[in-house]
């Protein structure tokens, strides 16, 4: 009887799993070490994604710092972190490697991805977020939300990077998905 009560209590304390919204897109990019990075390479792991570029004077450093804090505060081995550059012409693997070092990124869990502009744009469209390249005097425009993807490659949530309640929810949801990842 006590064992049953403990099981019921444990089940009631589990965080609810966020619902799937859409399929994450296939992509064919490289990480900061020049290794191939694809949706398939993330299979079985939940992941948090964002869009950044290394010479951004706007939200990118703050978003990267928030991602670094999430990576340090969520110990789940079933969770990965993925930053897609939206300026692949500038952000080579070597540039992203230096950027990762500035934020003390754990490269075993956090990938900074680059590739052709077409592949980056395809990934952004597939993630259902905005990424508009610079054009003349118009700067790069990109989404400032974090994206949560489950281990089956399903997008499960979008979280405003400037909203602390949304960031708290992202942490809770990521912990729940990371706990069930393979």
N, C-alpha and C. Protein backbone atom coordinates (compact mmCIF):
# COMPACT_ATOMS: atom_id res chain seq x y z
N UNK A 1 0.82 -1.20 0.00
CA UNK A 1 0.00 0.00 0.00
C UNK A 1 0.87 1.26 0.00
N UNK A 2 1.91 1.26 0.83
CA UNK A 2 2.81 2.41 0.89
C UNK A 2 3.51 2.59 -0.46
N UNK A 3 3.94 1.48 -1.06
CA UNK A 3 4.62 1.54 -2.36
C UNK A 3 3.68 2.14 -3.42
N UNK A 4 2.42 1.77 -3.39
CA UNK A 4 1.46 2.32 -4.34
C UNK A 4 1.30 3.82 -4.14
N UNK A 5 1.23 4.24 -2.90
CA UNK A 5 1.09 5.67 -2.60
C UNK A 5 2.33 6.44 -3.06
N UNK A 6 3.51 5.87 -2.87
CA UNK A 6 4.75 6.52 -3.31
C UNK A 6 4.76 6.65 -4.83
N UNK A 7 4.35 5.60 -5.54
CA UNK A 7 4.29 5.64 -7.01
C UNK A 7 3.30 6.69 -7.49
N UNK A 8 2.14 6.77 -6.86
CA UNK A 8 1.15 7.76 -7.25
C UNK A 8 1.64 9.18 -6.99
N UNK A 9 2.31 9.38 -5.86
CA UNK A 9 2.86 10.69 -5.53
C UNK A 9 3.94 11.07 -6.53
N UNK A 10 4.82 10.15 -6.85
CA UNK A 10 5.89 10.43 -7.82
C UNK A 10 5.31 10.77 -9.18
N UNK A 11 4.29 10.06 -9.60
CA UNK A 11 3.66 10.33 -10.90
C UNK A 11 3.02 11.71 -10.92
N UNK A 12 2.44 12.10 -9.79
CA UNK A 12 1.77 13.41 -9.75
C UNK A 12 2.77 14.55 -9.74
N UNK A 13 4.02 14.30 -9.33
CA UNK A 13 5.04 15.34 -9.28
C UNK A 13 5.76 15.52 -10.61
N UNK A 14 5.61 14.58 -11.54
CA UNK A 14 6.27 14.70 -12.84
C UNK A 14 5.74 15.91 -13.58
N UNK A 15 6.64 16.56 -14.25
CA UNK A 15 6.24 17.71 -15.05
C UNK A 15 5.49 17.23 -16.27
N UNK A 16 4.42 17.93 -16.63
CA UNK A 16 3.71 17.52 -17.84
C UNK A 16 4.58 17.76 -19.08
N UNK A 17 4.43 16.88 -20.02
CA UNK A 17 5.19 16.97 -21.26
C UNK A 17 4.55 18.01 -22.16
N UNK A 18 5.34 18.97 -22.71
CA UNK A 18 4.73 19.92 -23.63
C UNK A 18 4.28 19.21 -24.91
N UNK A 19 3.19 19.66 -25.46
CA UNK A 19 2.63 19.04 -26.66
C UNK A 19 3.44 19.42 -27.90
N UNK A 20 3.45 18.53 -28.87
CA UNK A 20 4.14 18.79 -30.13
C UNK A 20 3.34 19.79 -30.97
N UNK A 21 4.05 20.70 -31.62
CA UNK A 21 3.44 21.72 -32.45
C UNK A 21 3.64 21.41 -33.93
N UNK A 22 4.85 21.00 -34.28
CA UNK A 22 5.21 20.75 -35.68
C UNK A 22 6.46 19.88 -35.73
N UNK A 23 6.78 19.38 -36.91
CA UNK A 23 8.01 18.62 -37.12
C UNK A 23 9.18 19.59 -37.28
N UNK A 24 10.31 19.28 -36.65
CA UNK A 24 11.52 20.06 -36.89
C UNK A 24 12.02 19.71 -38.29
N UNK A 25 12.68 20.65 -38.95
CA UNK A 25 13.12 20.42 -40.33
C UNK A 25 14.40 19.59 -40.41
N UNK A 26 14.56 18.94 -41.54
CA UNK A 26 15.85 18.32 -41.84
C UNK A 26 16.82 19.46 -42.15
N UNK A 27 18.07 19.30 -41.75
CA UNK A 27 19.09 20.29 -42.11
C UNK A 27 20.43 19.58 -42.26
N UNK A 28 21.30 20.20 -43.01
CA UNK A 28 22.62 19.64 -43.29
C UNK A 28 23.64 20.76 -43.11
N UNK A 29 24.15 20.89 -41.90
CA UNK A 29 25.04 21.98 -41.52
C UNK A 29 26.33 21.41 -40.93
N UNK A 30 27.19 22.29 -40.42
CA UNK A 30 28.37 21.85 -39.68
C UNK A 30 28.41 22.60 -38.36
N UNK A 31 29.07 21.98 -37.38
CA UNK A 31 29.18 22.63 -36.07
C UNK A 31 30.49 23.41 -35.97
N UNK A 32 30.74 23.95 -34.80
CA UNK A 32 31.92 24.79 -34.56
C UNK A 32 33.23 24.03 -34.70
N UNK A 33 33.17 22.72 -34.76
CA UNK A 33 34.37 21.90 -34.96
C UNK A 33 34.48 21.36 -36.38
N UNK A 34 33.57 21.82 -37.25
CA UNK A 34 33.58 21.38 -38.64
C UNK A 34 32.95 20.01 -38.87
N UNK A 35 32.30 19.48 -37.83
CA UNK A 35 31.64 18.17 -37.96
C UNK A 35 30.23 18.33 -38.52
N UNK A 36 29.77 17.34 -39.29
CA UNK A 36 28.40 17.40 -39.80
C UNK A 36 27.38 17.47 -38.67
N UNK A 37 26.35 18.26 -38.88
CA UNK A 37 25.26 18.39 -37.91
C UNK A 37 23.95 18.31 -38.67
N UNK A 38 23.12 17.36 -38.29
CA UNK A 38 21.83 17.15 -38.96
C UNK A 38 20.76 16.91 -37.91
N UNK A 39 19.53 16.93 -38.34
CA UNK A 39 18.44 16.57 -37.43
C UNK A 39 18.65 15.15 -36.92
N UNK A 40 19.09 14.28 -37.80
CA UNK A 40 19.31 12.88 -37.41
C UNK A 40 20.38 12.77 -36.31
N UNK A 41 21.38 13.64 -36.34
CA UNK A 41 22.43 13.57 -35.31
C UNK A 41 21.91 13.96 -33.93
N UNK A 42 20.74 14.59 -33.88
CA UNK A 42 20.12 14.96 -32.60
C UNK A 42 19.03 13.98 -32.18
N UNK A 43 18.78 12.96 -33.00
CA UNK A 43 17.71 12.00 -32.71
C UNK A 43 17.88 11.39 -31.33
N UNK A 44 16.77 11.32 -30.62
CA UNK A 44 16.77 10.73 -29.29
C UNK A 44 17.08 11.72 -28.18
N UNK A 45 17.51 12.91 -28.53
CA UNK A 45 17.82 13.95 -27.54
C UNK A 45 16.86 15.11 -27.73
N UNK A 46 16.37 15.65 -26.64
CA UNK A 46 15.62 16.90 -26.70
C UNK A 46 16.65 18.02 -26.89
N UNK A 47 16.23 19.12 -27.49
CA UNK A 47 17.17 20.23 -27.68
C UNK A 47 16.48 21.58 -27.65
N UNK A 48 17.24 22.55 -27.21
CA UNK A 48 16.82 23.94 -27.21
C UNK A 48 17.61 24.63 -28.31
N UNK A 49 16.92 25.36 -29.17
CA UNK A 49 17.59 26.07 -30.26
C UNK A 49 17.37 27.57 -30.16
N UNK A 50 18.30 28.30 -30.75
CA UNK A 50 18.12 29.73 -30.93
C UNK A 50 18.84 30.16 -32.21
N UNK A 51 18.53 31.38 -32.65
CA UNK A 51 19.17 31.97 -33.81
C UNK A 51 20.02 33.13 -33.33
N UNK A 52 21.29 33.13 -33.72
CA UNK A 52 22.22 34.18 -33.28
C UNK A 52 23.18 34.50 -34.41
N UNK A 53 23.98 35.54 -34.23
CA UNK A 53 25.17 35.73 -35.05
C UNK A 53 26.21 36.42 -34.18
N UNK A 54 27.47 36.13 -34.46
CA UNK A 54 28.55 36.44 -33.52
C UNK A 54 28.88 37.92 -33.41
N UNK A 55 28.61 38.72 -34.42
CA UNK A 55 28.94 40.15 -34.34
C UNK A 55 27.70 41.00 -34.08
N UNK A 56 26.67 40.40 -33.58
CA UNK A 56 25.41 41.07 -33.25
C UNK A 56 25.63 42.03 -32.09
N UNK A 57 25.14 43.24 -32.27
CA UNK A 57 25.22 44.23 -31.19
C UNK A 57 23.89 44.33 -30.44
N UNK A 58 22.93 43.51 -30.85
CA UNK A 58 21.61 43.54 -30.24
C UNK A 58 21.41 42.41 -29.25
N UNK A 59 20.39 41.56 -29.49
CA UNK A 59 19.99 40.55 -28.50
C UNK A 59 20.87 39.30 -28.43
N UNK A 60 21.71 39.06 -29.43
CA UNK A 60 22.43 37.77 -29.49
C UNK A 60 23.31 37.47 -28.28
N UNK A 61 24.14 38.43 -27.81
CA UNK A 61 24.95 38.10 -26.63
C UNK A 61 24.10 37.75 -25.41
N UNK A 62 22.98 38.45 -25.25
CA UNK A 62 22.09 38.15 -24.11
C UNK A 62 21.45 36.79 -24.28
N UNK A 63 21.02 36.48 -25.51
CA UNK A 63 20.42 35.16 -25.76
C UNK A 63 21.45 34.05 -25.53
N UNK A 64 22.67 34.28 -25.97
CA UNK A 64 23.71 33.26 -25.79
C UNK A 64 24.03 33.09 -24.31
N UNK A 65 24.06 34.17 -23.56
CA UNK A 65 24.26 34.07 -22.11
C UNK A 65 23.12 33.30 -21.45
N UNK A 66 21.89 33.56 -21.89
CA UNK A 66 20.75 32.81 -21.33
C UNK A 66 20.85 31.33 -21.69
N UNK A 67 21.29 31.03 -22.91
CA UNK A 67 21.47 29.63 -23.30
C UNK A 67 22.57 29.00 -22.43
N UNK A 68 23.64 29.73 -22.20
CA UNK A 68 24.73 29.21 -21.34
C UNK A 68 24.21 28.93 -19.93
N UNK A 69 23.38 29.81 -19.42
CA UNK A 69 22.81 29.60 -18.08
C UNK A 69 21.89 28.39 -18.06
N UNK A 70 21.10 28.21 -19.12
CA UNK A 70 20.25 27.01 -19.20
C UNK A 70 21.11 25.75 -19.24
N UNK A 71 22.16 25.78 -20.04
CA UNK A 71 23.03 24.61 -20.16
C UNK A 71 23.67 24.26 -18.82
N UNK A 72 24.01 25.26 -18.04
CA UNK A 72 24.64 25.02 -16.73
C UNK A 72 23.62 24.57 -15.69
N UNK A 73 22.37 25.03 -15.83
CA UNK A 73 21.38 24.74 -14.79
C UNK A 73 20.57 23.47 -15.05
N UNK A 74 20.61 22.94 -16.27
CA UNK A 74 19.88 21.71 -16.58
C UNK A 74 20.91 20.62 -16.84
N UNK A 75 21.03 19.71 -15.91
CA UNK A 75 22.08 18.70 -15.98
C UNK A 75 21.71 17.47 -16.80
N UNK A 76 20.51 17.41 -17.31
CA UNK A 76 20.03 16.22 -18.01
C UNK A 76 20.93 15.82 -19.17
N UNK A 77 21.43 14.58 -19.17
CA UNK A 77 22.23 14.13 -20.31
C UNK A 77 21.40 13.95 -21.57
N UNK A 78 20.08 13.98 -21.46
CA UNK A 78 19.20 13.83 -22.61
C UNK A 78 18.85 15.15 -23.29
N UNK A 79 19.54 16.24 -22.92
CA UNK A 79 19.22 17.55 -23.47
C UNK A 79 20.45 18.15 -24.15
N UNK A 80 20.23 18.71 -25.34
CA UNK A 80 21.28 19.38 -26.10
C UNK A 80 20.88 20.83 -26.34
N UNK A 81 21.85 21.63 -26.75
CA UNK A 81 21.66 23.05 -27.02
C UNK A 81 22.22 23.32 -28.41
N UNK A 82 21.45 24.05 -29.23
CA UNK A 82 21.83 24.26 -30.62
C UNK A 82 21.61 25.73 -30.99
N UNK A 83 22.70 26.39 -31.38
CA UNK A 83 22.61 27.77 -31.84
C UNK A 83 22.91 27.81 -33.33
N UNK A 84 21.94 28.29 -34.11
CA UNK A 84 22.08 28.43 -35.55
C UNK A 84 22.52 29.87 -35.85
N UNK A 85 23.63 30.04 -36.56
CA UNK A 85 23.98 31.39 -36.97
C UNK A 85 23.05 31.82 -38.10
N UNK A 86 22.71 33.10 -38.11
CA UNK A 86 21.93 33.66 -39.22
C UNK A 86 22.83 34.52 -40.11
N UNK A 87 24.13 34.42 -39.90
CA UNK A 87 25.10 35.10 -40.76
C UNK A 87 26.21 34.11 -41.13
N UNK A 88 25.88 33.09 -41.90
CA UNK A 88 26.85 32.04 -42.19
C UNK A 88 28.04 32.51 -43.04
N UNK A 89 27.88 33.60 -43.77
CA UNK A 89 29.01 34.10 -44.56
C UNK A 89 30.13 34.59 -43.65
N UNK A 90 29.79 35.17 -42.53
CA UNK A 90 30.78 35.65 -41.56
C UNK A 90 31.11 34.57 -40.53
N UNK A 91 30.09 33.88 -40.06
CA UNK A 91 30.25 32.94 -38.94
C UNK A 91 30.67 31.56 -39.44
N UNK A 92 31.95 31.42 -39.71
CA UNK A 92 32.53 30.13 -40.09
C UNK A 92 32.61 29.25 -38.85
N UNK A 93 32.97 28.01 -39.05
CA UNK A 93 33.14 27.10 -37.90
C UNK A 93 34.17 27.67 -36.92
N UNK A 94 35.26 28.21 -37.43
CA UNK A 94 36.31 28.76 -36.55
C UNK A 94 35.80 29.97 -35.76
N UNK A 95 35.03 30.84 -36.40
CA UNK A 95 34.47 32.00 -35.71
C UNK A 95 33.50 31.53 -34.62
N UNK A 96 32.67 30.55 -34.95
CA UNK A 96 31.73 30.01 -33.95
C UNK A 96 32.46 29.33 -32.81
N UNK A 97 33.57 28.67 -33.09
CA UNK A 97 34.37 28.01 -32.04
C UNK A 97 34.86 29.07 -31.04
N UNK A 98 35.39 30.19 -31.54
CA UNK A 98 35.83 31.27 -30.65
C UNK A 98 34.67 31.84 -29.86
N UNK A 99 33.53 32.01 -30.51
CA UNK A 99 32.33 32.53 -29.84
C UNK A 99 31.89 31.58 -28.72
N UNK A 100 31.90 30.29 -28.99
CA UNK A 100 31.53 29.29 -27.98
C UNK A 100 32.43 29.40 -26.76
N UNK A 101 33.73 29.60 -27.00
CA UNK A 101 34.68 29.73 -25.88
C UNK A 101 34.37 30.94 -25.01
N UNK A 102 33.95 32.03 -25.64
CA UNK A 102 33.62 33.25 -24.87
C UNK A 102 32.50 33.01 -23.88
N UNK A 103 31.64 32.05 -24.19
CA UNK A 103 30.50 31.75 -23.31
C UNK A 103 30.70 30.45 -22.54
N UNK A 104 31.93 29.95 -22.54
CA UNK A 104 32.28 28.74 -21.80
C UNK A 104 31.31 27.59 -22.13
N UNK A 105 31.01 27.43 -23.42
CA UNK A 105 30.06 26.41 -23.86
C UNK A 105 30.63 25.01 -23.67
N UNK A 106 29.83 24.13 -23.13
CA UNK A 106 30.17 22.71 -23.03
C UNK A 106 29.89 22.10 -24.40
N UNK A 107 30.94 21.93 -25.19
CA UNK A 107 30.77 21.49 -26.57
C UNK A 107 30.28 20.05 -26.70
N UNK A 108 30.26 19.32 -25.61
CA UNK A 108 29.68 17.98 -25.68
C UNK A 108 28.15 18.04 -25.71
N UNK A 109 27.60 19.20 -25.33
CA UNK A 109 26.14 19.36 -25.28
C UNK A 109 25.63 20.52 -26.14
N UNK A 110 26.52 21.44 -26.51
CA UNK A 110 26.10 22.66 -27.19
C UNK A 110 26.80 22.79 -28.53
N UNK A 111 26.01 22.85 -29.59
CA UNK A 111 26.54 23.00 -30.94
C UNK A 111 26.18 24.36 -31.51
N UNK A 112 27.14 24.97 -32.19
CA UNK A 112 26.94 26.23 -32.90
C UNK A 112 27.02 25.88 -34.38
N UNK A 113 25.93 26.08 -35.12
CA UNK A 113 25.83 25.56 -36.47
C UNK A 113 25.92 26.64 -37.54
N UNK A 114 26.61 26.29 -38.62
CA UNK A 114 26.72 27.15 -39.79
C UNK A 114 26.64 26.29 -41.04
N UNK A 115 26.60 26.93 -42.16
CA UNK A 115 26.52 26.23 -43.44
C UNK A 115 26.19 27.24 -44.52
N UNK A 116 25.60 26.79 -45.59
CA UNK A 116 25.22 27.72 -46.65
C UNK A 116 24.04 28.57 -46.18
N UNK A 117 23.93 29.76 -46.75
CA UNK A 117 22.80 30.62 -46.40
C UNK A 117 21.47 29.93 -46.72
N UNK A 118 21.44 29.19 -47.84
CA UNK A 118 20.21 28.47 -48.20
C UNK A 118 19.82 27.45 -47.13
N UNK A 119 20.79 26.70 -46.62
CA UNK A 119 20.50 25.70 -45.57
C UNK A 119 20.05 26.37 -44.28
N UNK A 120 20.68 27.48 -43.92
CA UNK A 120 20.27 28.21 -42.70
C UNK A 120 18.85 28.73 -42.87
N UNK A 121 18.54 29.30 -44.02
CA UNK A 121 17.20 29.82 -44.27
C UNK A 121 16.17 28.69 -44.24
N UNK A 122 16.53 27.56 -44.84
CA UNK A 122 15.63 26.40 -44.85
C UNK A 122 15.37 25.92 -43.41
N UNK A 123 16.42 25.87 -42.61
CA UNK A 123 16.26 25.45 -41.21
C UNK A 123 15.36 26.42 -40.45
N UNK A 124 15.58 27.73 -40.64
CA UNK A 124 14.76 28.73 -39.94
C UNK A 124 13.30 28.61 -40.36
N UNK A 125 13.05 28.49 -41.66
CA UNK A 125 11.67 28.34 -42.13
C UNK A 125 11.03 27.08 -41.53
N UNK A 126 11.80 26.00 -41.51
CA UNK A 126 11.28 24.74 -40.98
C UNK A 126 11.03 24.80 -39.48
N UNK A 127 11.81 25.62 -38.77
CA UNK A 127 11.58 25.82 -37.34
C UNK A 127 10.47 26.83 -37.08
N UNK A 128 9.95 27.41 -38.16
CA UNK A 128 8.85 28.37 -38.11
C UNK A 128 9.24 29.66 -37.39
N UNK A 129 10.48 30.11 -37.66
CA UNK A 129 10.99 31.36 -37.08
C UNK A 129 11.53 32.26 -38.19
N UNK A 130 11.72 33.52 -37.85
CA UNK A 130 12.18 34.53 -38.80
C UNK A 130 13.70 34.61 -38.82
N UNK A 131 14.25 34.66 -40.02
CA UNK A 131 15.68 34.91 -40.22
C UNK A 131 15.82 35.60 -41.57
N UNK A 132 16.06 36.91 -41.54
CA UNK A 132 16.16 37.69 -42.77
C UNK A 132 17.60 38.21 -42.87
N UNK A 133 18.31 37.82 -43.92
CA UNK A 133 19.70 38.27 -44.07
C UNK A 133 19.79 39.78 -44.25
N UNK A 134 20.98 40.33 -43.96
CA UNK A 134 21.22 41.74 -44.21
C UNK A 134 21.08 42.01 -45.70
N UNK A 135 20.61 43.21 -46.02
CA UNK A 135 20.43 43.59 -47.42
C UNK A 135 20.72 45.09 -47.53
N UNK A 136 21.88 45.41 -48.09
CA UNK A 136 22.25 46.81 -48.19
C UNK A 136 22.39 47.43 -46.82
N UNK A 137 21.62 48.48 -46.57
CA UNK A 137 21.67 49.15 -45.26
C UNK A 137 20.76 48.50 -44.22
N UNK A 138 20.02 47.48 -44.63
CA UNK A 138 19.12 46.80 -43.70
C UNK A 138 19.87 45.70 -42.97
N UNK A 139 19.83 45.73 -41.63
CA UNK A 139 20.57 44.73 -40.85
C UNK A 139 19.87 43.37 -40.86
N UNK A 140 20.57 42.38 -40.34
CA UNK A 140 19.99 41.05 -40.14
C UNK A 140 18.83 41.17 -39.16
N UNK A 141 17.74 40.51 -39.48
CA UNK A 141 16.58 40.44 -38.57
C UNK A 141 16.36 38.96 -38.27
N UNK A 142 16.21 38.65 -36.99
CA UNK A 142 15.97 37.25 -36.62
C UNK A 142 15.10 37.14 -35.39
N UNK A 143 14.47 36.01 -35.28
CA UNK A 143 13.61 35.70 -34.15
C UNK A 143 14.43 35.70 -32.86
N UNK A 144 13.83 36.17 -31.80
CA UNK A 144 14.49 36.21 -30.50
C UNK A 144 13.89 35.20 -29.52
N UNK A 145 13.21 34.20 -30.06
CA UNK A 145 12.64 33.16 -29.20
C UNK A 145 13.54 31.93 -29.19
N UNK A 146 13.46 31.22 -28.10
CA UNK A 146 14.09 29.90 -28.01
C UNK A 146 13.05 28.88 -28.48
N UNK A 147 13.55 27.81 -29.07
CA UNK A 147 12.69 26.76 -29.61
C UNK A 147 13.04 25.47 -28.89
N UNK A 148 12.04 24.75 -28.42
CA UNK A 148 12.25 23.47 -27.75
C UNK A 148 11.78 22.34 -28.66
N UNK A 149 12.67 21.37 -28.87
CA UNK A 149 12.38 20.23 -29.75
C UNK A 149 12.57 18.96 -28.94
N UNK A 150 11.65 18.01 -29.09
CA UNK A 150 11.77 16.75 -28.34
C UNK A 150 12.69 15.76 -29.05
N UNK A 151 12.92 14.64 -28.42
CA UNK A 151 13.82 13.62 -28.95
C UNK A 151 13.33 12.95 -30.22
N UNK A 152 12.06 13.15 -30.56
CA UNK A 152 11.49 12.62 -31.81
C UNK A 152 11.51 13.65 -32.93
N UNK A 153 12.13 14.81 -32.67
CA UNK A 153 12.21 15.84 -33.70
C UNK A 153 10.94 16.66 -33.86
N UNK A 154 10.16 16.75 -32.81
CA UNK A 154 8.92 17.55 -32.83
C UNK A 154 9.15 18.85 -32.06
N UNK A 155 8.76 19.96 -32.68
CA UNK A 155 8.83 21.25 -32.00
C UNK A 155 7.74 21.27 -30.94
N UNK A 156 8.14 21.58 -29.71
CA UNK A 156 7.20 21.54 -28.59
C UNK A 156 6.96 22.89 -27.93
N UNK A 157 7.66 23.92 -28.37
CA UNK A 157 7.40 25.21 -27.76
C UNK A 157 8.32 26.30 -28.25
N UNK A 158 7.82 27.54 -28.11
CA UNK A 158 8.56 28.75 -28.40
C UNK A 158 8.52 29.61 -27.14
N UNK A 159 9.65 30.23 -26.81
CA UNK A 159 9.78 30.93 -25.53
C UNK A 159 10.48 32.26 -25.76
N UNK A 160 9.81 33.34 -25.43
CA UNK A 160 10.37 34.68 -25.63
C UNK A 160 11.59 34.88 -24.74
N UNK A 161 12.71 35.22 -25.36
CA UNK A 161 13.96 35.34 -24.61
C UNK A 161 13.96 36.51 -23.63
N UNK A 162 13.11 37.48 -23.84
CA UNK A 162 13.08 38.66 -22.95
C UNK A 162 12.04 38.53 -21.83
N UNK A 163 11.36 37.41 -21.76
CA UNK A 163 10.29 37.20 -20.79
C UNK A 163 10.76 36.16 -19.77
N UNK A 164 11.01 36.60 -18.54
CA UNK A 164 11.57 35.69 -17.53
C UNK A 164 10.61 34.55 -17.19
N UNK A 165 9.31 34.79 -17.22
CA UNK A 165 8.36 33.70 -16.98
C UNK A 165 8.44 32.67 -18.10
N UNK A 166 8.58 33.14 -19.32
CA UNK A 166 8.73 32.21 -20.46
C UNK A 166 10.03 31.42 -20.31
N UNK A 167 11.09 32.07 -19.85
CA UNK A 167 12.37 31.37 -19.68
C UNK A 167 12.28 30.33 -18.56
N UNK A 168 11.54 30.64 -17.50
CA UNK A 168 11.32 29.66 -16.44
C UNK A 168 10.53 28.46 -16.97
N UNK A 169 9.53 28.73 -17.80
CA UNK A 169 8.74 27.65 -18.39
C UNK A 169 9.60 26.82 -19.33
N UNK A 170 10.47 27.47 -20.10
CA UNK A 170 11.39 26.73 -20.98
C UNK A 170 12.25 25.78 -20.16
N UNK A 171 12.77 26.24 -19.06
CA UNK A 171 13.61 25.38 -18.22
C UNK A 171 12.80 24.17 -17.74
N UNK A 172 11.59 24.39 -17.24
CA UNK A 172 10.76 23.29 -16.75
C UNK A 172 10.43 22.31 -17.88
N UNK A 173 10.02 22.85 -19.04
CA UNK A 173 9.66 21.99 -20.16
C UNK A 173 10.88 21.21 -20.68
N UNK A 174 12.03 21.87 -20.75
CA UNK A 174 13.25 21.21 -21.22
C UNK A 174 13.67 20.10 -20.26
N UNK A 175 13.53 20.34 -18.96
CA UNK A 175 13.85 19.30 -17.98
C UNK A 175 12.95 18.09 -18.17
N UNK A 176 11.67 18.34 -18.43
CA UNK A 176 10.72 17.23 -18.64
C UNK A 176 11.09 16.44 -19.89
N UNK A 177 11.39 17.12 -20.99
CA UNK A 177 11.75 16.41 -22.22
C UNK A 177 13.11 15.75 -22.12
N UNK A 178 14.04 16.41 -21.45
CA UNK A 178 15.37 15.82 -21.27
C UNK A 178 15.32 14.55 -20.44
N UNK A 179 14.41 14.49 -19.49
CA UNK A 179 14.29 13.30 -18.65
C UNK A 179 13.77 12.09 -19.42
N UNK A 180 13.00 12.34 -20.48
CA UNK A 180 12.45 11.21 -21.23
C UNK A 180 13.29 10.86 -22.47
N UNK A 181 14.28 11.69 -22.78
CA UNK A 181 15.10 11.45 -23.98
C UNK A 181 15.95 10.20 -23.83
N UNK A 182 16.28 9.61 -24.98
CA UNK A 182 17.09 8.39 -24.99
C UNK A 182 18.56 8.70 -24.94
